[in-house]
Amino acid sequence: MPIKFTKAADSEHKEKLTSSLIAAAWRTGAAYAGEKASFEVLTAFVGEGADISITGKSDNGKSLGKIKDKIKNNKFIGEFDIPDDIKLDDFVFFEVDLSKNGVKGDSNRIPVRPAIKVTNMKWSAKEARRGDTLTLSADIDQVKDGTEVMLTVYEYDRDDIHDKIVELPTAVQNKKIELLWEYEYHEDTDQIPTDEKMKKYGKNYNPPEYFFTVKVEGKEFGKKQESGILTFKDWLEIRVVDKVGRPLPDRDCTITLPDGTQKKGKTDANGYVRVTDVPPGECKVEFSEPQQQQQQQSQQTGSN
């Protein structure tokens, strides 16, 4: 709010600032029966901690309740519970009263709609490898076809500090959403703690895991991992050569995987050994002596 000041700046003056209501508005375009609807109130010059009273109503006379609180930084954010039995052709609004400041006003009106239902959230697979294309899908009821929704993929954290990976916009068609996503892991897998390292802190190895949520009309569904967990699976390839770079075939090895399990392997004619579907992270590889060398060592020991 602009303020015009025309008095001299070289002396002290007292000015009375008029309190006012800048905005009172719902934070979503509709209210849903049986759910919460959030709102925001913006003021000017009402004073820090001013008393505010907000009363929720509907055009048909349904009460949403009353909120009494203090306003801070000329801003107040709250929410009302929309009754289950409210009529679906009704509109809701709220009244703002800062009586000590002589400020009153009404909010905008938004329509009441049936509660949105998002079910059957799922991945097309339980495991993902680099470059895999996965399908994310869900059933959505009580919204019109063409309604835009946002799918958000999170990396799951056991301490509930989930990292947002990507946001994927799509639209509802025939009460469903379906979207393709190509999986890639862009971090350094060597930074994933192995089971051996985690045991020092009383924990266990945890590979990168993912879930997704669906946001419709400002409400996010799936925060409790209703989509199920997607697990990252990696692969490991090793080539064994001698001092001059020639491949060493038929070399047996034991590979300790990041989760503590072990796999056996043997190099092929070109010195390669490849293991698929392994948990990502740091691996430990141990090679045994070639059988021919072991026999020679055994004969030398026997001749002594």
C-alpha atoms as a PDB file:
ATOM      1  CA  MET A   1       0.000   0.000   0.000  1.00  0.00           C
ATOM      2  CA  PRO A   2       1.695   3.281  -1.089  1.00  0.00           C
ATOM      3  CA  ILE A   3       1.960   6.090   1.463  1.00  0.00           C
ATOM      4  CA  LYS A   4       2.275   9.714   0.400  1.00  0.00           C
ATOM      5  CA  PHE A   5       4.434  11.867   2.745  1.00  0.00           C
ATOM      6  CA  THR A   6       4.796  15.582   1.915  1.00  0.00           C
ATOM      7  CA  LYS A   7       6.091  17.115   5.170  1.00  0.00           C
ATOM      8  CA  ALA A   8       9.629  18.313   5.778  1.00  0.00           C
ATOM      9  CA  ALA A   9      12.162  15.604   6.505  1.00  0.00           C
ATOM     10  CA  ASP A  10      14.308  17.706   8.877  1.00  0.00           C
ATOM     11  CA  SER A  11      11.876  17.586  11.791  1.00  0.00           C
ATOM     12  CA  GLU A  12       9.777  15.032  13.700  1.00  0.00           C
ATOM     13  CA  HIS A  13       6.160  14.415  12.691  1.00  0.00           C
ATOM     14  CA  LYS A  14       3.443  12.062  13.871  1.00  0.00           C
ATOM     15  CA  GLU A  15       1.413  10.222  11.250  1.00  0.00           C
ATOM     16  CA  LYS A  16      -1.611   7.995  11.849  1.00  0.00           C
ATOM     17  CA  LEU A  17      -1.507   4.841   9.703  1.00  0.00           C
ATOM     18  CA  THR A  18      -4.856   3.402   8.758  1.00  0.00           C
ATOM     19  CA  SER A  19      -5.358  -0.328   9.294  1.00  0.00           C
ATOM     20  CA  SER A  20      -6.781  -2.159   6.311  1.00  0.00           C
ATOM     21  CA  LEU A  21      -7.651  -5.598   4.948  1.00  0.00           C
ATOM     22  CA  ILE A  22      -5.663  -6.248   1.791  1.00  0.00           C
ATOM     23  CA  ALA A  23      -6.917  -9.735   0.961  1.00  0.00           C
ATOM     24  CA  ALA A  24      -9.008 -12.574   2.384  1.00  0.00           C
ATOM     25  CA  ALA A  25      -8.959 -15.578   0.106  1.00  0.00           C
ATOM     26  CA  TRP A  26      -9.127 -19.365  -0.023  1.00  0.00           C
ATOM     27  CA  ARG A  27      -5.891 -21.028  -1.115  1.00  0.00           C
ATOM     28  CA  THR A  28      -7.659 -23.523  -3.400  1.00  0.00           C
ATOM     29  CA  GLY A  29     -10.264 -23.154  -6.099  1.00  0.00           C
ATOM     30  CA  ALA A  30     -12.782 -25.464  -4.418  1.00  0.00           C
ATOM     31  CA  ALA A  31     -13.697 -26.912  -1.031  1.00  0.00           C
ATOM     32  CA  TYR A  32     -14.121 -30.672  -0.681  1.00  0.00           C
ATOM     33  CA  ALA A  33     -16.715 -32.263   1.585  1.00  0.00           C
ATOM     34  CA  GLY A  34     -15.142 -34.011   4.566  1.00  0.00           C
ATOM     35  CA  GLU A  35     -11.720 -32.405   4.042  1.00  0.00           C
ATOM     36  CA  LYS A  36      -9.865 -29.284   5.127  1.00  0.00           C
ATOM     37  CA  ALA A  37      -9.791 -26.025   3.158  1.00  0.00           C
ATOM     38  CA  SER A  38      -6.989 -23.544   3.841  1.00  0.00           C
ATOM     39  CA  PHE A  39      -7.208 -19.769   3.592  1.00  0.00           C
ATOM     40  CA  GLU A  40      -5.035 -16.675   3.901  1.00  0.00           C
ATOM     41  CA  VAL A  41      -5.616 -13.176   5.298  1.00  0.00           C
ATOM     42  CA  LEU A  42      -3.359 -10.221   4.457  1.00  0.00           C
ATOM     43  CA  THR A  43      -3.565  -6.901   6.299  1.00  0.00           C
ATOM     44  CA  ALA A  44      -1.725  -3.603   6.616  1.00  0.00           C
ATOM     45  CA  PHE A  45      -0.869  -1.652   9.790  1.00  0.00           C
ATOM     46  CA  VAL A  46      -2.911  -3.722  12.240  1.00  0.00           C
ATOM     47  CA  GLY A  47       0.020  -4.203  14.633  1.00  0.00           C
ATOM     48  CA  GLU A  48       1.953  -7.303  15.578  1.00  0.00           C
ATOM     49  CA  GLY A  49      -0.199  -9.738  17.564  1.00  0.00           C
ATOM     50  CA  ALA A  50      -3.505  -8.038  16.770  1.00  0.00           C
ATOM     51  CA  ASP A  51      -6.611 -10.044  17.647  1.00  0.00           C
ATOM     52  CA  ILE A  52      -8.287 -11.648  14.650  1.00  0.00           C
ATOM     53  CA  SER A  53     -11.595 -13.504  14.438  1.00  0.00           C
ATOM     54  CA  ILE A  54     -12.541 -15.565  11.369  1.00  0.00           C
ATOM     55  CA  THR A  55     -15.955 -17.156  10.871  1.00  0.00           C
ATOM     56  CA  GLY A  56     -16.565 -19.753   8.165  1.00  0.00           C
ATOM     57  CA  LYS A  57     -19.972 -19.974   6.493  1.00  0.00           C
ATOM     58  CA  SER A  58     -21.766 -21.228   3.412  1.00  0.00           C
ATOM     59  CA  ASP A  59     -24.327 -19.558   1.170  1.00  0.00           C
ATOM     60  CA  ASN A  60     -26.910 -22.073   2.411  1.00  0.00           C
ATOM     61  CA  GLY A  61     -26.246 -21.202   6.059  1.00  0.00           C
ATOM     62  CA  LYS A  62     -23.908 -24.063   6.977  1.00  0.00           C
ATOM     63  CA  SER A  63     -21.421 -23.160   9.720  1.00  0.00           C
ATOM     64  CA  LEU A  64     -17.747 -24.029   9.282  1.00  0.00           C
ATOM     65  CA  GLY A  65     -16.808 -22.816  12.735  1.00  0.00           C
ATOM     66  CA  LYS A  66     -14.966 -19.849  14.202  1.00  0.00           C
ATOM     67  CA  ILE A  67     -11.254 -19.194  14.682  1.00  0.00           C
ATOM     68  CA  LYS A  68      -9.827 -16.693  17.178  1.00  0.00           C
ATOM     69  CA  ASP A  69      -6.109 -16.029  17.104  1.00  0.00           C
ATOM     70  CA  LYS A  70      -3.358 -13.413  16.761  1.00  0.00           C
ATOM     71  CA  ILE A  71      -2.080 -12.051  13.474  1.00  0.00           C
ATOM     72  CA  LYS A  72       1.681 -11.878  12.838  1.00  0.00           C
ATOM     73  CA  ASN A  73       3.552  -9.869  10.230  1.00  0.00           C
ATOM     74  CA  ASN A  74       0.215  -8.685   8.848  1.00  0.00           C
ATOM     75  CA  LYS A  75      -0.562 -12.232   7.723  1.00  0.00           C
ATOM     76  CA  PHE A  76      -2.685 -15.111   8.966  1.00  0.00           C
ATOM     77  CA  ILE A  77      -3.013 -18.619   7.473  1.00  0.00           C
ATOM     78  CA  GLY A  78      -5.606 -21.090   8.720  1.00  0.00           C
ATOM     79  CA  GLU A  79      -8.020 -23.795   7.654  1.00  0.00           C
ATOM     80  CA  PHE A  80     -11.602 -24.916   8.153  1.00  0.00           C
ATOM     81  CA  ASP A  81     -13.023 -28.432   8.203  1.00  0.00           C
ATOM     82  CA  ILE A  82     -15.632 -28.728   5.468  1.00  0.00           C
ATOM     83  CA  PRO A  83     -18.565 -30.772   6.852  1.00  0.00           C
ATOM     84  CA  ASP A  84     -19.349 -34.182   5.329  1.00  0.00           C
ATOM     85  CA  ASP A  85     -23.035 -33.323   5.025  1.00  0.00           C
ATOM     86  CA  ILE A  86     -22.651 -29.990   3.256  1.00  0.00           C
ATOM     87  CA  LYS A  87     -24.622 -29.742   0.008  1.00  0.00           C
ATOM     88  CA  LEU A  88     -22.505 -30.141  -3.094  1.00  0.00           C
ATOM     89  CA  ASP A  89     -24.128 -27.171  -4.866  1.00  0.00           C
ATOM     90  CA  ASP A  90     -23.226 -24.847  -1.978  1.00  0.00           C
ATOM     91  CA  PHE A  91     -20.497 -22.165  -1.831  1.00  0.00           C
ATOM     92  CA  VAL A  92     -18.320 -21.391   1.196  1.00  0.00           C
ATOM     93  CA  PHE A  93     -16.739 -18.138   2.360  1.00  0.00           C
ATOM     94  CA  PHE A  94     -15.383 -16.614   5.589  1.00  0.00           C
ATOM     95  CA  GLU A  95     -15.703 -13.316   7.418  1.00  0.00           C
ATOM     96  CA  VAL A  96     -12.686 -11.516   8.883  1.00  0.00           C
ATOM     97  CA  ASP A  97     -13.037  -9.307  11.958  1.00  0.00           C
ATOM     98  CA  LEU A  98     -10.244  -7.259  13.528  1.00  0.00           C
ATOM     99  CA  SER A  99     -12.608  -5.210  15.670  1.00  0.00           C
ATOM    100  CA  LYS A 100      -9.911  -3.416  17.681  1.00  0.00           C
ATOM    101  CA  ASN A 101      -8.517  -2.079  14.424  1.00  0.00           C
ATOM    102  CA  GLY A 102     -11.887  -1.300  12.908  1.00  0.00           C
ATOM    103  CA  VAL A 103     -11.284  -3.740  10.048  1.00  0.00           C
ATOM    104  CA  LYS A 104     -13.827  -6.204   8.680  1.00  0.00           C
ATOM    105  CA  GLY A 105     -14.318  -8.005   5.383  1.00  0.00           C
ATOM    106  CA  ASP A 106     -15.425 -11.125   3.529  1.00  0.00           C
ATOM    107  CA  SER A 107     -13.458 -13.619   1.475  1.00  0.00           C
ATOM    108  CA  ASN A 108     -14.140 -14.879  -2.024  1.00  0.00           C
ATOM    109  CA  ARG A 109     -16.623 -17.739  -2.462  1.00  0.00           C
ATOM    110  CA  ILE A 110     -15.579 -21.172  -3.709  1.00  0.00           C
ATOM    111  CA  PRO A 111     -17.776 -24.127  -4.688  1.00  0.00           C
ATOM    112  CA  VAL A 112     -18.193 -27.287  -2.639  1.00  0.00           C
ATOM    113  CA  ARG A 113     -17.301 -30.512  -4.414  1.00  0.00           C
ATOM    114  CA  PRO A 114     -17.293 -34.212  -3.470  1.00  0.00           C
ATOM    115  CA  ALA A 115     -14.110 -35.445  -1.817  1.00  0.00           C
ATOM    116  CA  ILE A 116     -11.471 -36.494  -4.358  1.00  0.00           C
ATOM    117  CA  LYS A 117     -10.508 -40.157  -4.192  1.00  0.00           C
ATOM    118  CA  VAL A 118      -7.092 -41.366  -5.372  1.00  0.00           C
ATOM    119  CA  THR A 119      -6.646 -45.144  -5.258  1.00  0.00           C
ATOM    120  CA  ASN A 120      -4.679 -47.974  -6.837  1.00  0.00           C
ATOM    121  CA  MET A 121      -1.430 -46.000  -6.990  1.00  0.00           C
ATOM    122  CA  LYS A 122       1.303 -48.270  -8.340  1.00  0.00           C
ATOM    123  CA  TRP A 123       4.544 -48.699 -10.270  1.00  0.00           C
ATOM    124  CA  SER A 124       4.713 -51.030 -13.261  1.00  0.00           C
ATOM    125  CA  ALA A 125       7.633 -52.848 -11.591  1.00  0.00           C
ATOM    126  CA  LYS A 126       9.105 -53.303  -8.119  1.00  0.00           C
ATOM    127  CA  GLU A 127      12.711 -52.854  -9.254  1.00  0.00           C
ATOM    128  CA  ALA A 128      14.385 -50.376 -11.613  1.00  0.00           C
ATOM    129  CA  ARG A 129      17.646 -50.521 -13.521  1.00  0.00           C
ATOM    130  CA  ARG A 130      19.391 -47.640 -15.276  1.00  0.00           C
ATOM    131  CA  GLY A 131      17.463 -46.714 -18.409  1.00  0.00           C
ATOM    132  CA  ASP A 132      14.304 -48.645 -17.494  1.00  0.00           C
ATOM    133  CA  THR A 133      11.034 -46.964 -18.479  1.00  0.00           C
ATOM    134  CA  LEU A 134       8.419 -47.315 -15.752  1.00  0.00           C
ATOM    135  CA  THR A 135       4.698 -46.623 -15.784  1.00  0.00           C
ATOM    136  CA  LEU A 136       3.206 -44.668 -12.853  1.00  0.00           C
ATOM    137  CA  SER A 137      -0.558 -44.988 -12.591  1.00  0.00           C
ATOM    138  CA  ALA A 138      -3.522 -44.331 -10.302  1.00  0.00           C
ATOM    139  CA  ASP A 139      -7.318 -44.210 -10.307  1.00  0.00           C
ATOM    140  CA  ILE A 140      -8.855 -40.791  -9.592  1.00  0.00           C
ATOM    141  CA  ASP A 141     -12.544 -40.261  -8.846  1.00  0.00           C
ATOM    142  CA  GLN A 142     -14.651 -37.107  -8.355  1.00  0.00           C
ATOM    143  CA  VAL A 143     -12.677 -34.921 -10.770  1.00  0.00           C
ATOM    144  CA  LYS A 144     -13.397 -34.012 -14.378  1.00  0.00           C
ATOM    145  CA  ASP A 145     -11.475 -35.449 -17.307  1.00  0.00           C
ATOM    146  CA  GLY A 146      -8.699 -33.098 -18.310  1.00  0.00           C
ATOM    147  CA  THR A 147      -8.002 -31.978 -14.750  1.00  0.00           C
ATOM    148  CA  GLU A 148      -4.285 -31.364 -14.388  1.00  0.00           C
ATOM    149  CA  VAL A 149      -2.460 -33.300 -11.681  1.00  0.00           C
ATOM    150  CA  MET A 150       1.165 -33.442 -10.567  1.00  0.00           C
ATOM    151  CA  LEU A 151       3.018 -36.679  -9.857  1.00  0.00           C
ATOM    152  CA  THR A 152       6.064 -36.252  -7.631  1.00  0.00           C
ATOM    153  CA  VAL A 153       8.741 -38.932  -7.279  1.00  0.00           C
ATOM    154  CA  TYR A 154      10.545 -38.968  -3.930  1.00  0.00           C
ATOM    155  CA  GLU A 155      13.589 -40.917  -2.774  1.00  0.00           C
ATOM    156  CA  TYR A 156      12.384 -42.745   0.319  1.00  0.00           C
ATOM    157  CA  ASP A 157      14.149 -42.096   3.622  1.00  0.00           C
ATOM    158  CA  ARG A 158      13.580 -44.262   6.681  1.00  0.00           C
ATOM    159  CA  ASP A 159      13.676 -41.133   8.851  1.00  0.00           C
ATOM    160  CA  ASP A 160      10.902 -39.532   6.742  1.00  0.00           C
ATOM    161  CA  ILE A 161      13.243 -36.911   5.263  1.00  0.00           C
ATOM    162  CA  HIS A 162      12.321 -37.747   1.684  1.00  0.00           C
ATOM    163  CA  ASP A 163      14.169 -36.045  -1.196  1.00  0.00           C
ATOM    164  CA  LYS A 164      12.135 -34.793  -4.143  1.00  0.00           C
ATOM    165  CA  ILE A 165      13.512 -36.285  -7.373  1.00  0.00           C
ATOM    166  CA  VAL A 166      11.212 -35.007 -10.114  1.00  0.00           C
ATOM    167  CA  GLU A 167       7.744 -33.534 -10.732  1.00  0.00           C
ATOM    168  CA  LEU A 168       5.742 -34.971 -13.637  1.00  0.00           C
ATOM    169  CA  PRO A 169       2.592 -33.162 -14.841  1.00  0.00           C
ATOM    170  CA  THR A 170      -0.251 -35.109 -16.463  1.00  0.00           C
ATOM    171  CA  ALA A 171      -4.040 -35.022 -16.763  1.00  0.00           C
ATOM    172  CA  VAL A 172      -6.963 -37.220 -15.744  1.00  0.00           C
ATOM    173  CA  GLN A 173      -8.538 -39.304 -18.498  1.00  0.00           C
ATOM    174  CA  ASN A 174     -11.407 -41.746 -17.887  1.00  0.00           C
ATOM    175  CA  LYS A 175     -10.858 -41.423 -14.123  1.00  0.00           C
ATOM    176  CA  LYS A 176      -7.253 -42.568 -14.456  1.00  0.00           C
ATOM    177  CA  ILE A 177      -3.751 -41.200 -14.819  1.00  0.00           C
ATOM    178  CA  GLU A 178      -0.860 -43.009 -16.465  1.00  0.00           C
ATOM    179  CA  LEU A 179       2.589 -41.621 -17.121  1.00  0.00           C
ATOM    180  CA  LEU A 180       5.944 -42.969 -18.346  1.00  0.00           C
ATOM    181  CA  TRP A 181       9.189 -42.148 -16.535  1.00  0.00           C
ATOM    182  CA  GLU A 182      12.715 -43.194 -17.502  1.00  0.00           C
ATOM    183  CA  TYR A 183      14.768 -44.112 -14.459  1.00  0.00           C
ATOM    184  CA  GLU A 184      18.352 -42.905 -14.104  1.00  0.00           C
ATOM    185  CA  TYR A 185      20.595 -42.748 -11.047  1.00  0.00           C
ATOM    186  CA  HIS A 186      22.800 -39.650 -11.216  1.00  0.00           C
ATOM    187  CA  GLU A 187      24.595 -39.870  -7.872  1.00  0.00           C
ATOM    188  CA  ASP A 188      27.865 -41.678  -7.110  1.00  0.00           C
ATOM    189  CA  THR A 189      27.003 -45.196  -5.931  1.00  0.00           C
ATOM    190  CA  ASP A 190      30.306 -45.320  -4.034  1.00  0.00           C
ATOM    191  CA  GLN A 191      28.735 -42.841  -1.597  1.00  0.00           C
ATOM    192  CA  ILE A 192      26.011 -45.319  -0.569  1.00  0.00           C
ATOM    193  CA  PRO A 193      27.047 -46.742   2.844  1.00  0.00           C
ATOM    194  CA  THR A 194      27.570 -50.500   2.839  1.00  0.00           C
ATOM    195  CA  ASP A 195      26.003 -52.820   5.392  1.00  0.00           C
ATOM    196  CA  GLU A 196      29.374 -53.127   7.127  1.00  0.00           C
ATOM    197  CA  LYS A 197      29.582 -49.353   7.584  1.00  0.00           C
ATOM    198  CA  MET A 198      25.957 -49.017   8.690  1.00  0.00           C
ATOM    199  CA  LYS A 199      26.327 -51.689  11.370  1.00  0.00           C
ATOM    200  CA  LYS A 200      28.726 -49.359  13.210  1.00  0.00           C
ATOM    201  CA  TYR A 201      25.698 -47.130  13.854  1.00  0.00           C
ATOM    202  CA  GLY A 202      23.280 -49.959  14.630  1.00  0.00           C
ATOM    203  CA  LYS A 203      21.636 -49.782  11.209  1.00  0.00           C
ATOM    204  CA  ASN A 204      21.511 -51.839   8.042  1.00  0.00           C
ATOM    205  CA  TYR A 205      22.256 -51.226   4.392  1.00  0.00           C
ATOM    206  CA  ASN A 206      19.482 -49.387   2.555  1.00  0.00           C
ATOM    207  CA  PRO A 207      19.526 -49.105  -1.264  1.00  0.00           C
ATOM    208  CA  PRO A 208      17.963 -46.107  -3.045  1.00  0.00           C
ATOM    209  CA  GLU A 209      14.182 -46.555  -2.933  1.00  0.00           C
ATOM    210  CA  TYR A 210      11.381 -44.441  -4.357  1.00  0.00           C
ATOM    211  CA  PHE A 211       7.670 -43.705  -4.064  1.00  0.00           C
ATOM    212  CA  PHE A 212       5.409 -41.209  -5.789  1.00  0.00           C
ATOM    213  CA  THR A 213       2.533 -38.949  -4.787  1.00  0.00           C
ATOM    214  CA  VAL A 214      -0.359 -37.444  -6.726  1.00  0.00           C
ATOM    215  CA  LYS A 215      -1.358 -33.807  -6.188  1.00  0.00           C
ATOM    216  CA  VAL A 216      -4.896 -32.837  -7.247  1.00  0.00           C
ATOM    217  CA  GLU A 217      -6.433 -29.410  -6.617  1.00  0.00           C
ATOM    218  CA  GLY A 218      -3.681 -28.605  -4.108  1.00  0.00           C
ATOM    219  CA  LYS A 219      -4.112 -31.836  -2.107  1.00  0.00           C
ATOM    220  CA  GLU A 220      -1.273 -34.381  -2.150  1.00  0.00           C
ATOM    221  CA  PHE A 221      -2.134 -38.088  -1.971  1.00  0.00           C
ATOM    222  CA  GLY A 222       0.286 -40.946  -1.286  1.00  0.00           C
ATOM    223  CA  LYS A 223       2.527 -39.472   1.398  1.00  0.00           C
ATOM    224  CA  LYS A 224       2.468 -42.802   3.263  1.00  0.00           C
ATOM    225  CA  GLN A 225       3.998 -44.603   0.272  1.00  0.00           C
ATOM    226  CA  GLU A 226       0.675 -45.940  -1.001  1.00  0.00           C
ATOM    227  CA  SER A 227       2.321 -46.317  -4.429  1.00  0.00           C
ATOM    228  CA  GLY A 228       4.612 -48.998  -3.043  1.00  0.00           C
ATOM    229  CA  ILE A 229       8.402 -48.827  -3.007  1.00  0.00           C
ATOM    230  CA  LEU A 230      10.552 -48.970  -6.134  1.00  0.00           C
ATOM    231  CA  THR A 231      14.077 -50.346  -5.543  1.00  0.00           C
ATOM    232  CA  PHE A 232      17.170 -49.532  -7.587  1.00  0.00           C
ATOM    233  CA  LYS A 233      19.126 -52.562  -8.856  1.00  0.00           C
ATOM    234  CA  ASP A 234      22.597 -52.194 -10.387  1.00  0.00           C
ATOM    235  CA  TRP A 235      25.180 -54.363 -12.177  1.00  0.00           C
ATOM    236  CA  LEU A 236      28.905 -54.962 -11.803  1.00  0.00           C
ATOM    237  CA  GLU A 237      31.475 -55.824 -14.486  1.00  0.00           C
ATOM    238  CA  ILE A 238      35.165 -56.551 -13.836  1.00  0.00           C
ATOM    239  CA  ARG A 239      37.986 -57.379 -16.231  1.00  0.00           C
ATOM    240  CA  VAL A 240      41.116 -59.140 -14.985  1.00  0.00           C
ATOM    241  CA  VAL A 241      44.393 -58.769 -16.899  1.00  0.00           C
ATOM    242  CA  ASP A 242      48.030 -59.535 -16.228  1.00  0.00           C
ATOM    243  CA  LYS A 243      50.864 -57.019 -15.979  1.00  0.00           C
ATOM    244  CA  VAL A 244      51.048 -56.535 -19.752  1.00  0.00           C
ATOM    245  CA  GLY A 245      47.291 -56.271 -20.234  1.00  0.00           C
ATOM    246  CA  ARG A 246      46.495 -59.820 -21.359  1.00  0.00           C
ATOM    247  CA  PRO A 247      43.120 -61.155 -20.114  1.00  0.00           C
ATOM    248  CA  LEU A 248      43.157 -63.827 -17.424  1.00  0.00           C
ATOM    249  CA  PRO A 249      40.367 -66.358 -18.038  1.00  0.00           C
ATOM    250  CA  ASP A 250      38.864 -68.898 -15.636  1.00  0.00           C
ATOM    251  CA  ARG A 251      39.749 -66.934 -12.503  1.00  0.00           C
ATOM    252  CA  ASP A 252      37.349 -67.662  -9.635  1.00  0.00           C
ATOM    253  CA  CYS A 253      36.260 -64.724  -7.503  1.00  0.00           C
ATOM    254  CA  THR A 254      34.062 -63.916  -4.527  1.00  0.00           C
ATOM    255  CA  ILE A 255      32.138 -60.648  -4.636  1.00  0.00           C
ATOM    256  CA  THR A 256      30.906 -59.134  -1.368  1.00  0.00           C
ATOM    257  CA  LEU A 257      27.932 -56.935  -2.205  1.00  0.00           C
ATOM    258  CA  PRO A 258      26.993 -53.697  -0.381  1.00  0.00           C
ATOM    259  CA  ASP A 259      24.259 -55.472   1.597  1.00  0.00           C
ATOM    260  CA  GLY A 260      26.782 -57.996   2.951  1.00  0.00           C
ATOM    261  CA  THR A 261      25.750 -60.954   0.779  1.00  0.00           C
ATOM    262  CA  GLN A 262      28.288 -62.750  -1.410  1.00  0.00           C
ATOM    263  CA  LYS A 263      28.238 -64.027  -4.979  1.00  0.00           C
ATOM    264  CA  LYS A 264      30.648 -66.331  -6.796  1.00  0.00           C
ATOM    265  CA  GLY A 265      31.964 -65.584 -10.265  1.00  0.00           C
ATOM    266  CA  LYS A 266      34.486 -66.712 -12.882  1.00  0.00           C
ATOM    267  CA  THR A 267      36.208 -64.681 -15.589  1.00  0.00           C
ATOM    268  CA  ASP A 268      35.377 -65.607 -19.187  1.00  0.00           C
ATOM    269  CA  ALA A 269      37.787 -66.080 -22.083  1.00  0.00           C
ATOM    270  CA  ASN A 270      38.315 -62.302 -22.275  1.00  0.00           C
ATOM    271  CA  GLY A 271      38.918 -61.902 -18.547  1.00  0.00           C
ATOM    272  CA  TYR A 272      35.467 -60.493 -17.775  1.00  0.00           C
ATOM    273  CA  VAL A 273      33.111 -61.368 -14.958  1.00  0.00           C
ATOM    274  CA  ARG A 274      29.672 -59.694 -14.836  1.00  0.00           C
ATOM    275  CA  VAL A 275      27.051 -59.795 -12.087  1.00  0.00           C
ATOM    276  CA  THR A 276      23.536 -58.390 -12.591  1.00  0.00           C
ATOM    277  CA  ASP A 277      20.703 -57.401 -10.236  1.00  0.00           C
ATOM    278  CA  VAL A 278      23.022 -56.356  -7.428  1.00  0.00           C
ATOM    279  CA  PRO A 279      22.268 -53.737  -4.773  1.00  0.00           C
ATOM    280  CA  PRO A 280      24.097 -50.507  -5.675  1.00  0.00           C
ATOM    281  CA  GLY A 281      27.136 -49.384  -3.727  1.00  0.00           C
ATOM    282  CA  GLU A 282      30.730 -50.313  -3.011  1.00  0.00           C
ATOM    283  CA  CYS A 283      31.619 -53.973  -3.669  1.00  0.00           C
ATOM    284  CA  LYS A 284      34.623 -55.984  -2.544  1.00  0.00           C
ATOM    285  CA  VAL A 285      36.132 -58.520  -4.985  1.00  0.00           C
ATOM    286  CA  GLU A 286      38.550 -61.287  -3.987  1.00  0.00           C
ATOM    287  CA  PHE A 287      40.235 -63.614  -6.499  1.00  0.00           C
ATOM    288  CA  SER A 288      41.467 -67.095  -5.668  1.00  0.00           C
ATOM    289  CA  GLU A 289      44.746 -68.457  -7.028  1.00  0.00           C
ATOM    290  CA  PRO A 290      44.447 -70.280 -10.357  1.00  0.00           C
ATOM    291  CA  GLN A 291      44.008 -74.027  -9.929  1.00  0.00           C
ATOM    292  CA  GLN A 292      47.215 -74.782 -11.891  1.00  0.00           C
ATOM    293  CA  GLN A 293      49.259 -72.494  -9.627  1.00  0.00           C
ATOM    294  CA  GLN A 294      47.692 -74.083  -6.520  1.00  0.00           C
ATOM    295  CA  GLN A 295      48.709 -77.550  -7.785  1.00  0.00           C
ATOM    296  CA  GLN A 296      52.269 -76.384  -8.429  1.00  0.00           C
ATOM    297  CA  GLN A 297      52.476 -74.902  -4.938  1.00  0.00           C
ATOM    298  CA  SER A 298      51.118 -78.167  -3.485  1.00  0.00           C
ATOM    299  CA  GLN A 299      53.730 -80.263  -5.375  1.00  0.00           C
ATOM    300  CA  GLN A 300      56.534 -77.955  -4.232  1.00  0.00           C
ATOM    301  CA  THR A 301      55.390 -78.302  -0.632  1.00  0.00           C
ATOM    302  CA  GLY A 302      55.263 -82.104  -0.904  1.00  0.00           C
ATOM    303  CA  SER A 303      58.804 -82.345  -2.347  1.00  0.00           C
ATOM    304  CA  ASN A 304      60.220 -80.486   0.614  1.00  0.00           C
END
